[in-house]
Every structure is written in C-alpha cells, then in structure tokens.
Amino acid sequence: MKKEDIIEASGKVMECYKAGKFLVKLDSGQEITAYLSGRMKKFRIRVLLGDVVKVELSHYDLTIGRITFRSK
C-alpha cells in the first residue's frame, strides 16, 4: 500500500479485546476496531484503556485500523 493511500487519525482507546485488538473512538466520533502494528508488538509497547493513539486507516475499509503510535 502506498503512503498516499493511508489516512492518519488520532483517537482514544475505549475497550481492549483479545489478541491485541482494541476499540478506538476517533476524534471525529467514529468508533473503529484497531490492531497493533508489528513494530509495537516487536518492542512490546503496551496500550491500555484511555491511551491516546495514532491510527492508520485504509481508504478501502474505514472500520479497521492499525495502531502505530501511543501518546504519553
């Protein structure tokens, strides 16, 4: 996927599911299901309830995203 095809958004983690999936409420009010990126799994970065995260969305499916950054 090209870098131009990716939509970046920020949001807040509302729920934690099994297998590293999360319910994220974006700043626009939309709720999506998101999973951790490979780099976050590799370096064991923990994402907890209430964390502000940066999410990448594909323009093909706007209901599933990939968490790429956790704000402090």
PDB file of N, CA and C in Angstrom:
ATOM      1  N   MET A   1       0.841  -1.169   0.000  1.00  0.00           N
ATOM      2  CA  MET A   1       0.000   0.000   0.000  1.00  0.00           C
ATOM      3  C   MET A   1       0.890   1.237   0.000  1.00  0.00           C
ATOM      4  N   LYS A   2       0.563   2.188  -0.823  1.00  0.00           N
ATOM      5  CA  LYS A   2       1.334   3.411  -0.917  1.00  0.00           C
ATOM      6  C   LYS A   2       1.054   4.325   0.274  1.00  0.00           C
ATOM      7  N   LYS A   3       1.983   5.183   0.547  1.00  0.00           N
ATOM      8  CA  LYS A   3       1.829   6.119   1.653  1.00  0.00           C
ATOM      9  C   LYS A   3       0.676   7.094   1.401  1.00  0.00           C
ATOM     10  N   GLU A   4       0.378   7.375   0.115  1.00  0.00           N
ATOM     11  CA  GLU A   4      -0.718   8.294  -0.197  1.00  0.00           C
ATOM     12  C   GLU A   4      -2.086   7.678   0.080  1.00  0.00           C
ATOM     13  N   ASP A   5      -2.169   6.338   0.103  1.00  0.00           N
ATOM     14  CA  ASP A   5      -3.441   5.654   0.311  1.00  0.00           C
ATOM     15  C   ASP A   5      -3.846   5.563   1.776  1.00  0.00           C
ATOM     16  N   ILE A   6      -2.946   5.919   2.678  1.00  0.00           N
ATOM     17  CA  ILE A   6      -3.199   5.761   4.110  1.00  0.00           C
ATOM     18  C   ILE A   6      -3.760   7.055   4.692  1.00  0.00           C
ATOM     19  N   ILE A   7      -4.795   6.913   5.521  1.00  0.00           N
ATOM     20  CA  ILE A   7      -5.403   8.045   6.225  1.00  0.00           C
ATOM     21  C   ILE A   7      -4.977   7.944   7.689  1.00  0.00           C
ATOM     22  N   GLU A   8      -4.383   8.997   8.226  1.00  0.00           N
ATOM     23  CA  GLU A   8      -3.971   9.005   9.626  1.00  0.00           C
ATOM     24  C   GLU A   8      -4.996   9.758  10.459  1.00  0.00           C
ATOM     25  N   ALA A   9      -5.291   9.199  11.630  1.00  0.00           N
ATOM     26  CA  ALA A   9      -6.233   9.827  12.554  1.00  0.00           C
ATOM     27  C   ALA A   9      -5.772   9.536  13.974  1.00  0.00           C
ATOM     28  N   SER A  10      -6.251  10.313  14.910  1.00  0.00           N
ATOM     29  CA  SER A  10      -5.940  10.051  16.309  1.00  0.00           C
ATOM     30  C   SER A  10      -7.236   9.774  17.055  1.00  0.00           C
ATOM     31  N   GLY A  11      -7.103   9.018  18.124  1.00  0.00           N
ATOM     32  CA  GLY A  11      -8.285   8.653  18.894  1.00  0.00           C
ATOM     33  C   GLY A  11      -7.906   8.145  20.269  1.00  0.00           C
ATOM     34  N   LYS A  12      -8.910   7.682  20.991  1.00  0.00           N
ATOM     35  CA  LYS A  12      -8.736   7.215  22.365  1.00  0.00           C
ATOM     36  C   LYS A  12      -9.209   5.773  22.469  1.00  0.00           C
ATOM     37  N   VAL A  13      -8.449   4.947  23.179  1.00  0.00           N
ATOM     38  CA  VAL A  13      -8.792   3.534  23.351  1.00  0.00           C
ATOM     39  C   VAL A  13      -9.946   3.425  24.346  1.00  0.00           C
ATOM     40  N   MET A  14     -11.039   2.784  23.903  1.00  0.00           N
ATOM     41  CA  MET A  14     -12.223   2.649  24.746  1.00  0.00           C
ATOM     42  C   MET A  14     -12.341   1.257  25.361  1.00  0.00           C
ATOM     43  N   GLU A  15     -11.943   0.202  24.620  1.00  0.00           N
ATOM     44  CA  GLU A  15     -12.022  -1.168  25.109  1.00  0.00           C
ATOM     45  C   GLU A  15     -10.839  -1.953  24.594  1.00  0.00           C
ATOM     46  N   CYS A  16     -10.448  -2.989  25.352  1.00  0.00           N
ATOM     47  CA  CYS A  16      -9.391  -3.902  24.926  1.00  0.00           C
ATOM     48  C   CYS A  16     -10.017  -5.275  24.688  1.00  0.00           C
ATOM     49  N   TYR A  17      -9.765  -5.831  23.518  1.00  0.00           N
ATOM     50  CA  TYR A  17     -10.247  -7.160  23.181  1.00  0.00           C
ATOM     51  C   TYR A  17      -9.085  -8.137  23.221  1.00  0.00           C
ATOM     52  N   LYS A  18      -9.388  -9.407  22.980  1.00  0.00           N
ATOM     53  CA  LYS A  18      -8.346 -10.429  22.937  1.00  0.00           C
ATOM     54  C   LYS A  18      -7.527 -10.288  21.661  1.00  0.00           C
ATOM     55  N   ALA A  19      -6.362 -10.893  21.668  1.00  0.00           N
ATOM     56  CA  ALA A  19      -5.468 -10.979  20.515  1.00  0.00           C
ATOM     57  C   ALA A  19      -4.987  -9.618  20.032  1.00  0.00           C
ATOM     58  N   GLY A  20      -4.830  -8.675  20.940  1.00  0.00           N
ATOM     59  CA  GLY A  20      -4.257  -7.386  20.581  1.00  0.00           C
ATOM     60  C   GLY A  20      -5.143  -6.488  19.758  1.00  0.00           C
ATOM     61  N   LYS A  21      -6.447  -6.614  19.903  1.00  0.00           N
ATOM     62  CA  LYS A  21      -7.380  -5.738  19.199  1.00  0.00           C
ATOM     63  C   LYS A  21      -8.018  -4.774  20.187  1.00  0.00           C
ATOM     64  N   PHE A  22      -8.383  -3.594  19.683  1.00  0.00           N
ATOM     65  CA  PHE A  22      -8.897  -2.532  20.536  1.00  0.00           C
ATOM     66  C   PHE A  22     -10.063  -1.832  19.859  1.00  0.00           C
ATOM     67  N   LEU A  23     -10.956  -1.284  20.669  1.00  0.00           N
ATOM     68  CA  LEU A  23     -12.000  -0.400  20.173  1.00  0.00           C
ATOM     69  C   LEU A  23     -11.508   1.014  20.393  1.00  0.00           C
ATOM     70  N   VAL A  24     -11.371   1.770  19.304  1.00  0.00           N
ATOM     71  CA  VAL A  24     -10.821   3.123  19.362  1.00  0.00           C
ATOM     72  C   VAL A  24     -11.885   4.101  18.895  1.00  0.00           C
ATOM     73  N   LYS A  25     -12.108   5.150  19.687  1.00  0.00           N
ATOM     74  CA  LYS A  25     -13.023   6.212  19.290  1.00  0.00           C
ATOM     75  C   LYS A  25     -12.186   7.354  18.734  1.00  0.00           C
ATOM     76  N   LEU A  26     -12.352   7.631  17.453  1.00  0.00           N
ATOM     77  CA  LEU A  26     -11.587   8.677  16.790  1.00  0.00           C
ATOM     78  C   LEU A  26     -12.077  10.047  17.211  1.00  0.00           C
ATOM     79  N   ASP A  27     -11.265  11.066  16.948  1.00  0.00           N
ATOM     80  CA  ASP A  27     -11.639  12.435  17.294  1.00  0.00           C
ATOM     81  C   ASP A  27     -12.884  12.892  16.535  1.00  0.00           C
ATOM     82  N   SER A  28     -13.152  12.268  15.392  1.00  0.00           N
ATOM     83  CA  SER A  28     -14.339  12.614  14.605  1.00  0.00           C
ATOM     84  C   SER A  28     -15.620  11.991  15.170  1.00  0.00           C
ATOM     85  N   GLY A  29     -15.479  11.096  16.174  1.00  0.00           N
ATOM     86  CA  GLY A  29     -16.633  10.465  16.786  1.00  0.00           C
ATOM     87  C   GLY A  29     -16.892   9.047  16.303  1.00  0.00           C
ATOM     88  N   GLN A  30     -16.206   8.615  15.261  1.00  0.00           N
ATOM     89  CA  GLN A  30     -16.379   7.274  14.703  1.00  0.00           C
ATOM     90  C   GLN A  30     -15.648   6.254  15.577  1.00  0.00           C
ATOM     91  N   GLU A  31     -16.250   5.084  15.775  1.00  0.00           N
ATOM     92  CA  GLU A  31     -15.622   4.010  16.532  1.00  0.00           C
ATOM     93  C   GLU A  31     -15.139   2.940  15.558  1.00  0.00           C
ATOM     94  N   ILE A  32     -13.880   2.524  15.714  1.00  0.00           N
ATOM     95  CA  ILE A  32     -13.305   1.523  14.823  1.00  0.00           C
ATOM     96  C   ILE A  32     -12.635   0.438  15.649  1.00  0.00           C
ATOM     97  N   THR A  33     -12.377  -0.700  15.007  1.00  0.00           N
ATOM     98  CA  THR A  33     -11.583  -1.762  15.586  1.00  0.00           C
ATOM     99  C   THR A  33     -10.162  -1.591  15.079  1.00  0.00           C
ATOM    100  N   ALA A  34      -9.193  -1.640  15.985  1.00  0.00           N
ATOM    101  CA  ALA A  34      -7.805  -1.424  15.592  1.00  0.00           C
ATOM    102  C   ALA A  34      -6.933  -2.521  16.193  1.00  0.00           C
ATOM    103  N   TYR A  35      -5.825  -2.798  15.505  1.00  0.00           N
ATOM    104  CA  TYR A  35      -4.858  -3.777  15.982  1.00  0.00           C
ATOM    105  C   TYR A  35      -3.489  -3.120  16.057  1.00  0.00           C
ATOM    106  N   LEU A  36      -2.570  -3.750  16.794  1.00  0.00           N
ATOM    107  CA  LEU A  36      -1.233  -3.193  16.962  1.00  0.00           C
ATOM    108  C   LEU A  36      -0.385  -3.441  15.726  1.00  0.00           C
ATOM    109  N   SER A  37       0.458  -2.490  15.388  1.00  0.00           N
ATOM    110  CA  SER A  37       1.383  -2.674  14.276  1.00  0.00           C
ATOM    111  C   SER A  37       2.490  -3.632  14.709  1.00  0.00           C
ATOM    112  N   GLY A  38       3.185  -4.165  13.748  1.00  0.00           N
ATOM    113  CA  GLY A  38       4.243  -5.133  14.027  1.00  0.00           C
ATOM    114  C   GLY A  38       5.372  -4.555  14.857  1.00  0.00           C
ATOM    115  N   ARG A  39       5.723  -3.311  14.627  1.00  0.00           N
ATOM    116  CA  ARG A  39       6.798  -2.677  15.380  1.00  0.00           C
ATOM    117  C   ARG A  39       6.413  -2.502  16.843  1.00  0.00           C
ATOM    118  N   MET A  40       5.135  -2.216  17.117  1.00  0.00           N
ATOM    119  CA  MET A  40       4.689  -2.064  18.509  1.00  0.00           C
ATOM    120  C   MET A  40       4.690  -3.414  19.215  1.00  0.00           C
ATOM    121  N   LYS A  41       4.363  -4.491  18.488  1.00  0.00           N
ATOM    122  CA  LYS A  41       4.439  -5.833  19.070  1.00  0.00           C
ATOM    123  C   LYS A  41       5.884  -6.222  19.336  1.00  0.00           C
ATOM    124  N   LYS A  42       6.764  -5.905  18.382  1.00  0.00           N
ATOM    125  CA  LYS A  42       8.179  -6.269  18.489  1.00  0.00           C
ATOM    126  C   LYS A  42       8.832  -5.635  19.711  1.00  0.00           C
ATOM    127  N   PHE A  43       8.563  -4.357  19.960  1.00  0.00           N
ATOM    128  CA  PHE A  43       9.160  -3.659  21.080  1.00  0.00           C
ATOM    129  C   PHE A  43       8.289  -3.685  22.327  1.00  0.00           C
ATOM    130  N   ARG A  44       7.214  -4.480  22.305  1.00  0.00           N
ATOM    131  CA  ARG A  44       6.325  -4.717  23.445  1.00  0.00           C
ATOM    132  C   ARG A  44       5.809  -3.428  24.073  1.00  0.00           C
ATOM    133  N   ILE A  45       5.278  -2.554  23.214  1.00  0.00           N
ATOM    134  CA  ILE A  45       4.686  -1.307  23.687  1.00  0.00           C
ATOM    135  C   ILE A  45       3.256  -1.594  24.127  1.00  0.00           C
ATOM    136  N   ARG A  46       2.952  -1.301  25.360  1.00  0.00           N
ATOM    137  CA  ARG A  46       1.639  -1.600  25.929  1.00  0.00           C
ATOM    138  C   ARG A  46       0.656  -0.483  25.605  1.00  0.00           C
ATOM    139  N   VAL A  47      -0.553  -0.880  25.258  1.00  0.00           N
ATOM    140  CA  VAL A  47      -1.634   0.073  25.027  1.00  0.00           C
ATOM    141  C   VAL A  47      -2.736  -0.275  26.017  1.00  0.00           C
ATOM    142  N   LEU A  48      -3.150   0.703  26.807  1.00  0.00           N
ATOM    143  CA  LEU A  48      -4.142   0.489  27.850  1.00  0.00           C
ATOM    144  C   LEU A  48      -5.368   1.356  27.605  1.00  0.00           C
ATOM    145  N   LEU A  49      -6.413   1.109  28.378  1.00  0.00           N
ATOM    146  CA  LEU A  49      -7.629   1.912  28.286  1.00  0.00           C
ATOM    147  C   LEU A  49      -7.322   3.380  28.539  1.00  0.00           C
ATOM    148  N   GLY A  50      -7.888   4.251  27.733  1.00  0.00           N
ATOM    149  CA  GLY A  50      -7.726   5.674  27.915  1.00  0.00           C
ATOM    150  C   GLY A  50      -6.513   6.264  27.224  1.00  0.00           C
ATOM    151  N   ASP A  51      -5.661   5.436  26.634  1.00  0.00           N
ATOM    152  CA  ASP A  51      -4.489   5.962  25.926  1.00  0.00           C
ATOM    153  C   ASP A  51      -4.901   6.661  24.642  1.00  0.00           C
ATOM    154  N   VAL A  52      -4.199   7.723  24.317  1.00  0.00           N
ATOM    155  CA  VAL A  52      -4.406   8.425  23.053  1.00  0.00           C
ATOM    156  C   VAL A  52      -3.444   7.807  22.044  1.00  0.00           C
ATOM    157  N   VAL A  53      -3.974   7.346  20.919  1.00  0.00           N
ATOM    158  CA  VAL A  53      -3.173   6.634  19.929  1.00  0.00           C
ATOM    159  C   VAL A  53      -3.335   7.268  18.553  1.00  0.00           C
ATOM    160  N   LYS A  54      -2.353   7.005  17.696  1.00  0.00           N
ATOM    161  CA  LYS A  54      -2.413   7.412  16.302  1.00  0.00           C
ATOM    162  C   LYS A  54      -2.736   6.166  15.483  1.00  0.00           C
ATOM    163  N   VAL A  55      -3.722   6.258  14.594  1.00  0.00           N
ATOM    164  CA  VAL A  55      -4.225   5.117  13.844  1.00  0.00           C
ATOM    165  C   VAL A  55      -4.092   5.386  12.348  1.00  0.00           C
ATOM    166  N   GLU A  56      -3.704   4.355  11.600  1.00  0.00           N
ATOM    167  CA  GLU A  56      -3.685   4.440  10.143  1.00  0.00           C
ATOM    168  C   GLU A  56      -4.875   3.671   9.598  1.00  0.00           C
ATOM    169  N   LEU A  57      -5.622   4.291   8.698  1.00  0.00           N
ATOM    170  CA  LEU A  57      -6.789   3.674   8.078  1.00  0.00           C
ATOM    171  C   LEU A  57      -6.563   3.554   6.581  1.00  0.00           C
ATOM    172  N   SER A  58      -7.090   2.495   5.990  1.00  0.00           N
ATOM    173  CA  SER A  58      -7.076   2.352   4.550  1.00  0.00           C
ATOM    174  C   SER A  58      -8.344   2.991   4.001  1.00  0.00           C
ATOM    175  N   HIS A  59      -8.257   3.588   2.840  1.00  0.00           N
ATOM    176  CA  HIS A  59      -9.463   4.203   2.290  1.00  0.00           C
ATOM    177  C   HIS A  59     -10.422   3.152   1.732  1.00  0.00           C
ATOM    178  N   TYR A  60     -10.001   1.891   1.685  1.00  0.00           N
ATOM    179  CA  TYR A  60     -10.881   0.813   1.244  1.00  0.00           C
ATOM    180  C   TYR A  60     -11.852   0.393   2.338  1.00  0.00           C
ATOM    181  N   ASP A  61     -11.370   0.344   3.596  1.00  0.00           N
ATOM    182  CA  ASP A  61     -12.212  -0.069   4.715  1.00  0.00           C
ATOM    183  C   ASP A  61     -11.932   0.854   5.897  1.00  0.00           C
ATOM    184  N   LEU A  62     -12.850   1.731   6.187  1.00  0.00           N
ATOM    185  CA  LEU A  62     -12.653   2.730   7.236  1.00  0.00           C
ATOM    186  C   LEU A  62     -13.085   2.252   8.619  1.00  0.00           C
ATOM    187  N   THR A  63     -13.383   0.960   8.776  1.00  0.00           N
ATOM    188  CA  THR A  63     -13.802   0.442  10.075  1.00  0.00           C
ATOM    189  C   THR A  63     -12.693  -0.315  10.782  1.00  0.00           C
ATOM    190  N   ILE A  64     -11.574  -0.572  10.116  1.00  0.00           N
ATOM    191  CA  ILE A  64     -10.458  -1.304  10.698  1.00  0.00           C
ATOM    192  C   ILE A  64      -9.198  -0.462  10.538  1.00  0.00           C
ATOM    193  N   GLY A  65      -8.421  -0.341  11.605  1.00  0.00           N
ATOM    194  CA  GLY A  65      -7.212   0.464  11.556  1.00  0.00           C
ATOM    195  C   GLY A  65      -6.041  -0.235  12.214  1.00  0.00           C
ATOM    196  N   ARG A  66      -4.865   0.380  12.074  1.00  0.00           N
ATOM    197  CA  ARG A  66      -3.637  -0.145  12.652  1.00  0.00           C
ATOM    198  C   ARG A  66      -3.061   0.923  13.566  1.00  0.00           C
ATOM    199  N   ILE A  67      -2.830   0.556  14.834  1.00  0.00           N
ATOM    200  CA  ILE A  67      -2.278   1.495  15.811  1.00  0.00           C
ATOM    201  C   ILE A  67      -0.774   1.572  15.580  1.00  0.00           C
ATOM    202  N   THR A  68      -0.273   2.791  15.320  1.00  0.00           N
ATOM    203  CA  THR A  68       1.142   2.961  15.022  1.00  0.00           C
ATOM    204  C   THR A  68       1.900   3.750  16.083  1.00  0.00           C
ATOM    205  N   PHE A  69       1.191   4.463  16.968  1.00  0.00           N
ATOM    206  CA  PHE A  69       1.869   5.311  17.941  1.00  0.00           C
ATOM    207  C   PHE A  69       0.986   5.484  19.168  1.00  0.00           C
ATOM    208  N   ARG A  70       1.594   5.453  20.353  1.00  0.00           N
ATOM    209  CA  ARG A  70       0.876   5.723  21.593  1.00  0.00           C
ATOM    210  C   ARG A  70       1.427   6.992  22.213  1.00  0.00           C
ATOM    211  N   SER A  71       0.569   7.964  22.440  1.00  0.00           N
ATOM    212  CA  SER A  71       0.997   9.227  23.047  1.00  0.00           C
ATOM    213  C   SER A  71       1.177   9.072  24.541  1.00  0.00           C
ATOM    214  N   LYS A  72       2.048   9.869  25.100  1.00  0.00           N
ATOM    215  CA  LYS A  72       2.282   9.805  26.533  1.00  0.00           C
ATOM    216  C   LYS A  72       1.306  10.687  27.268  1.00  0.00           C
TER     217      LYS A  72
END
